[in-house]
Amino acid sequence: MRFSGKMAKKAQKTAKQPARRRTEAGGRTAPKRRNMRAVDRERAIVDEAIRFFAERGFEGQTRELAKRMGITHSGIYRHFPSKEALIERVYQEVYLSRWSPDWGALIRDRALPLEARLTRFLSRLCRACVRVQLGTDLRVLRHEVVRHHRSLSRSSPP
């Protein structure tokens, strides 16, 4: 389709203008979207989800997470089939990836009183968590993971 006269000038001017970025509440602009490889995008989603769930709890909406990241809501679901799958991945990253094989033996060692075993275990777990800097409030995240795990245990059949 060709324009003539004033319409052509207006079309050229509009084409040269950069696309406006949506603004969030408070007048801030949303982060600029970047093209990333799938594995890099998934890593970015997990990293941000760890921070997001630590701040908001697991009741936080994935739509909010997507907005915070500057991606579409469906972008999260391209990498994770459900919110539950994303939460499981967060749990894996925050807790299971830090598990040391020695800790099972430490916890089962009945030569020590239970309190001593738990104290040693928690001390070693804390050191492992401190070594990996997340920049999140792990206490809040731990509370949310435990609460979420309990709710899943209640809802699943025996």
C-alpha atoms as a PDB file:
ATOM      1  CA  MET A   1       0.000   0.000   0.000  1.00  0.00           C
ATOM      2  CA  ARG A   2       1.399   3.372  -0.986  1.00  0.00           C
ATOM      3  CA  PHE A   3       0.674   6.690   0.630  1.00  0.00           C
ATOM      4  CA  SER A   4       0.961  10.092  -0.968  1.00  0.00           C
ATOM      5  CA  GLY A   5       1.545  13.562   0.386  1.00  0.00           C
ATOM      6  CA  LYS A   6       0.928  14.133   4.080  1.00  0.00           C
ATOM      7  CA  MET A   7       0.038  10.495   4.738  1.00  0.00           C
ATOM      8  CA  ALA A   8       3.398   9.326   3.351  1.00  0.00           C
ATOM      9  CA  LYS A   9       5.330  11.750   5.579  1.00  0.00           C
ATOM     10  CA  LYS A  10       3.339  10.682   8.631  1.00  0.00           C
ATOM     11  CA  ALA A  11       3.927   6.985   7.867  1.00  0.00           C
ATOM     12  CA  GLN A  12       7.679   7.604   7.460  1.00  0.00           C
ATOM     13  CA  LYS A  13       7.843   9.572  10.710  1.00  0.00           C
ATOM     14  CA  THR A  14       5.944   6.861  12.605  1.00  0.00           C
ATOM     15  CA  ALA A  15       8.167   4.129  11.180  1.00  0.00           C
ATOM     16  CA  LYS A  16      11.307   5.939  12.391  1.00  0.00           C
ATOM     17  CA  GLN A  17      10.069   6.368  15.969  1.00  0.00           C
ATOM     18  CA  PRO A  18      11.197   3.706  18.430  1.00  0.00           C
ATOM     19  CA  ALA A  19       8.453   1.571  19.892  1.00  0.00           C
ATOM     20  CA  ARG A  20       7.282   2.848  23.266  1.00  0.00           C
ATOM     21  CA  ARG A  21       7.860   0.602  26.213  1.00  0.00           C
ATOM     22  CA  ARG A  22       5.001  -0.138  28.536  1.00  0.00           C
ATOM     23  CA  THR A  23       5.181   1.501  31.923  1.00  0.00           C
ATOM     24  CA  GLU A  24       4.637  -0.207  35.238  1.00  0.00           C
ATOM     25  CA  ALA A  25       2.884   1.213  38.266  1.00  0.00           C
ATOM     26  CA  GLY A  26       4.857   4.135  39.600  1.00  0.00           C
ATOM     27  CA  GLY A  27       5.836   5.375  36.139  1.00  0.00           C
ATOM     28  CA  ARG A  28       8.851   3.083  35.727  1.00  0.00           C
ATOM     29  CA  THR A  29       9.387   1.448  32.376  1.00  0.00           C
ATOM     30  CA  ALA A  30       9.364  -2.336  32.154  1.00  0.00           C
ATOM     31  CA  PRO A  31      12.767  -3.952  31.568  1.00  0.00           C
ATOM     32  CA  LYS A  32      13.660  -4.201  27.904  1.00  0.00           C
ATOM     33  CA  ARG A  33      13.080  -7.668  26.501  1.00  0.00           C
ATOM     34  CA  ARG A  34      16.145  -9.447  25.213  1.00  0.00           C
ATOM     35  CA  ASN A  35      16.385 -12.361  22.841  1.00  0.00           C
ATOM     36  CA  MET A  36      18.032 -15.214  24.686  1.00  0.00           C
ATOM     37  CA  ARG A  37      18.786 -18.847  24.063  1.00  0.00           C
ATOM     38  CA  ALA A  38      16.214 -21.126  25.675  1.00  0.00           C
ATOM     39  CA  VAL A  39      18.600 -22.390  28.361  1.00  0.00           C
ATOM     40  CA  ASP A  40      19.629 -18.838  29.249  1.00  0.00           C
ATOM     41  CA  ARG A  41      16.010 -17.671  29.424  1.00  0.00           C
ATOM     42  CA  GLU A  42      15.094 -20.642  31.641  1.00  0.00           C
ATOM     43  CA  ARG A  43      18.043 -19.853  33.931  1.00  0.00           C
ATOM     44  CA  ALA A  44      16.940 -16.201  34.129  1.00  0.00           C
ATOM     45  CA  ILE A  45      13.373 -17.267  34.986  1.00  0.00           C
ATOM     46  CA  VAL A  46      14.587 -19.592  37.747  1.00  0.00           C
ATOM     47  CA  ASP A  47      16.941 -16.977  39.213  1.00  0.00           C
ATOM     48  CA  GLU A  48      14.234 -14.334  39.275  1.00  0.00           C
ATOM     49  CA  ALA A  49      11.635 -16.823  40.562  1.00  0.00           C
ATOM     50  CA  ILE A  50      13.881 -17.596  43.551  1.00  0.00           C
ATOM     51  CA  ARG A  51      13.972 -13.904  44.465  1.00  0.00           C
ATOM     52  CA  PHE A  52      10.300 -13.378  43.637  1.00  0.00           C
ATOM     53  CA  PHE A  53       8.992 -16.295  45.730  1.00  0.00           C
ATOM     54  CA  ALA A  54      11.286 -15.327  48.618  1.00  0.00           C
ATOM     55  CA  GLU A  55       9.668 -11.877  48.631  1.00  0.00           C
ATOM     56  CA  ARG A  56       6.056 -12.746  47.788  1.00  0.00           C
ATOM     57  CA  GLY A  57       5.688 -16.378  48.839  1.00  0.00           C
ATOM     58  CA  PHE A  58       4.375 -19.113  46.584  1.00  0.00           C
ATOM     59  CA  GLU A  59       1.047 -17.317  46.333  1.00  0.00           C
ATOM     60  CA  GLY A  60       2.810 -14.737  44.126  1.00  0.00           C
ATOM     61  CA  GLN A  61       1.350 -14.674  40.630  1.00  0.00           C
ATOM     62  CA  THR A  62       3.438 -15.845  37.684  1.00  0.00           C
ATOM     63  CA  ARG A  63       1.922 -12.923  35.768  1.00  0.00           C
ATOM     64  CA  GLU A  64       3.639 -10.572  38.252  1.00  0.00           C
ATOM     65  CA  LEU A  65       6.901 -12.490  37.866  1.00  0.00           C
ATOM     66  CA  ALA A  66       6.703 -12.167  34.081  1.00  0.00           C
ATOM     67  CA  LYS A  67       5.960  -8.442  34.307  1.00  0.00           C
ATOM     68  CA  ARG A  68       8.868  -7.961  36.672  1.00  0.00           C
ATOM     69  CA  MET A  69      11.158  -9.737  34.194  1.00  0.00           C
ATOM     70  CA  GLY A  70       9.823  -7.889  31.177  1.00  0.00           C
ATOM     71  CA  ILE A  71       8.631 -11.055  29.438  1.00  0.00           C
ATOM     72  CA  THR A  72       5.196 -12.326  28.523  1.00  0.00           C
ATOM     73  CA  HIS A  73       3.248 -14.497  30.932  1.00  0.00           C
ATOM     74  CA  SER A  74       3.201 -17.287  28.364  1.00  0.00           C
ATOM     75  CA  GLY A  75       7.000 -17.006  28.152  1.00  0.00           C
ATOM     76  CA  ILE A  76       7.263 -18.619  31.574  1.00  0.00           C
ATOM     77  CA  TYR A  77       5.005 -21.460  30.458  1.00  0.00           C
ATOM     78  CA  ARG A  78       7.169 -22.140  27.419  1.00  0.00           C
ATOM     79  CA  HIS A  79       9.851 -23.287  29.841  1.00  0.00           C
ATOM     80  CA  PHE A  80       7.739 -24.662  32.693  1.00  0.00           C
ATOM     81  CA  PRO A  81       4.468 -26.514  32.090  1.00  0.00           C
ATOM     82  CA  SER A  82       2.919 -25.191  35.320  1.00  0.00           C
ATOM     83  CA  LYS A  83       3.538 -22.977  38.311  1.00  0.00           C
ATOM     84  CA  GLU A  84       4.059 -26.180  40.332  1.00  0.00           C
ATOM     85  CA  ALA A  85       6.886 -27.200  37.979  1.00  0.00           C
ATOM     86  CA  LEU A  86       8.528 -23.790  38.457  1.00  0.00           C
ATOM     87  CA  ILE A  87       8.200 -24.100  42.254  1.00  0.00           C
ATOM     88  CA  GLU A  88       9.704 -27.595  42.133  1.00  0.00           C
ATOM     89  CA  ARG A  89      12.652 -26.213  40.146  1.00  0.00           C
ATOM     90  CA  VAL A  90      13.124 -23.432  42.722  1.00  0.00           C
ATOM     91  CA  TYR A  91      13.091 -26.061  45.486  1.00  0.00           C
ATOM     92  CA  GLN A  92      15.660 -28.105  43.549  1.00  0.00           C
ATOM     93  CA  GLU A  93      17.925 -25.089  43.109  1.00  0.00           C
ATOM     94  CA  VAL A  94      17.659 -23.745  46.641  1.00  0.00           C
ATOM     95  CA  TYR A  95      17.714 -26.968  48.655  1.00  0.00           C
ATOM     96  CA  LEU A  96      18.417 -30.186  46.828  1.00  0.00           C
ATOM     97  CA  SER A  97      21.364 -28.872  44.828  1.00  0.00           C
ATOM     98  CA  ARG A  98      23.149 -28.064  48.091  1.00  0.00           C
ATOM     99  CA  TRP A  99      22.590 -31.463  49.706  1.00  0.00           C
ATOM    100  CA  SER A 100      25.804 -33.194  50.714  1.00  0.00           C
ATOM    101  CA  PRO A 101      25.840 -37.022  50.786  1.00  0.00           C
ATOM    102  CA  ASP A 102      27.570 -36.857  54.200  1.00  0.00           C
ATOM    103  CA  TRP A 103      24.558 -35.214  55.808  1.00  0.00           C
ATOM    104  CA  GLY A 104      22.389 -38.353  55.716  1.00  0.00           C
ATOM    105  CA  ALA A 105      24.953 -40.268  57.780  1.00  0.00           C
ATOM    106  CA  LEU A 106      25.314 -37.315  60.149  1.00  0.00           C
ATOM    107  CA  ILE A 107      21.572 -37.187  60.784  1.00  0.00           C
ATOM    108  CA  ARG A 108      21.314 -40.983  61.304  1.00  0.00           C
ATOM    109  CA  ASP A 109      24.292 -41.181  63.715  1.00  0.00           C
ATOM    110  CA  ARG A 110      22.546 -42.283  66.921  1.00  0.00           C
ATOM    111  CA  ALA A 111      25.780 -41.985  68.908  1.00  0.00           C
ATOM    112  CA  LEU A 112      24.928 -38.279  69.173  1.00  0.00           C
ATOM    113  CA  PRO A 113      21.764 -36.880  70.755  1.00  0.00           C
ATOM    114  CA  LEU A 114      19.146 -35.640  68.287  1.00  0.00           C
ATOM    115  CA  GLU A 115      19.728 -31.999  69.175  1.00  0.00           C
ATOM    116  CA  ALA A 116      23.462 -32.306  68.484  1.00  0.00           C
ATOM    117  CA  ARG A 117      22.815 -34.027  65.135  1.00  0.00           C
ATOM    118  CA  LEU A 118      20.349 -31.389  64.049  1.00  0.00           C
ATOM    119  CA  THR A 119      22.625 -28.559  65.184  1.00  0.00           C
ATOM    120  CA  ARG A 120      25.551 -29.952  63.185  1.00  0.00           C
ATOM    121  CA  PHE A 121      23.371 -30.591  60.159  1.00  0.00           C
ATOM    122  CA  LEU A 122      21.833 -27.101  60.195  1.00  0.00           C
ATOM    123  CA  SER A 123      25.233 -25.514  60.740  1.00  0.00           C
ATOM    124  CA  ARG A 124      26.643 -27.292  57.680  1.00  0.00           C
ATOM    125  CA  LEU A 125      23.549 -26.498  55.639  1.00  0.00           C
ATOM    126  CA  CYS A 126      23.843 -22.815  56.546  1.00  0.00           C
ATOM    127  CA  ARG A 127      27.502 -22.770  55.534  1.00  0.00           C
ATOM    128  CA  ALA A 128      26.559 -24.331  52.196  1.00  0.00           C
ATOM    129  CA  CYS A 129      23.847 -21.719  51.676  1.00  0.00           C
ATOM    130  CA  VAL A 130      26.156 -18.848  52.566  1.00  0.00           C
ATOM    131  CA  ARG A 131      28.725 -20.082  50.060  1.00  0.00           C
ATOM    132  CA  VAL A 132      26.180 -19.726  47.290  1.00  0.00           C
ATOM    133  CA  GLN A 133      25.076 -16.112  47.360  1.00  0.00           C
ATOM    134  CA  LEU A 134      21.451 -15.847  46.300  1.00  0.00           C
ATOM    135  CA  GLY A 135      20.696 -12.340  47.418  1.00  0.00           C
ATOM    136  CA  THR A 136      17.367 -13.555  48.859  1.00  0.00           C
ATOM    137  CA  ASP A 137      15.908 -14.071  52.274  1.00  0.00           C
ATOM    138  CA  LEU A 138      16.405 -17.822  52.624  1.00  0.00           C
ATOM    139  CA  ARG A 139      14.507 -17.941  55.897  1.00  0.00           C
ATOM    140  CA  VAL A 140      11.342 -16.732  54.204  1.00  0.00           C
ATOM    141  CA  LEU A 141      11.875 -19.041  51.252  1.00  0.00           C
ATOM    142  CA  ARG A 142      12.453 -22.036  53.541  1.00  0.00           C
ATOM    143  CA  HIS A 143       9.232 -21.269  55.379  1.00  0.00           C
ATOM    144  CA  GLU A 144       7.314 -21.061  52.097  1.00  0.00           C
ATOM    145  CA  VAL A 145       8.840 -24.295  50.753  1.00  0.00           C
ATOM    146  CA  VAL A 146       7.976 -26.182  53.944  1.00  0.00           C
ATOM    147  CA  ARG A 147       4.427 -24.795  53.902  1.00  0.00           C
ATOM    148  CA  HIS A 148       4.043 -25.660  50.211  1.00  0.00           C
ATOM    149  CA  HIS A 149       5.449 -29.160  50.745  1.00  0.00           C
ATOM    150  CA  ARG A 150       2.998 -29.755  53.605  1.00  0.00           C
ATOM    151  CA  SER A 151       0.066 -28.611  51.482  1.00  0.00           C
ATOM    152  CA  LEU A 152       1.146 -30.988  48.683  1.00  0.00           C
ATOM    153  CA  SER A 153       1.488 -33.845  51.185  1.00  0.00           C
ATOM    154  CA  ARG A 154      -2.048 -33.244  52.456  1.00  0.00           C
ATOM    155  CA  SER A 155      -3.533 -33.081  48.982  1.00  0.00           C
ATOM    156  CA  SER A 156      -1.821 -36.177  47.523  1.00  0.00           C
ATOM    157  CA  PRO A 157      -3.335 -39.620  48.163  1.00  0.00           C
ATOM    158  CA  PRO A 158      -1.371 -41.965  50.506  1.00  0.00           C
END
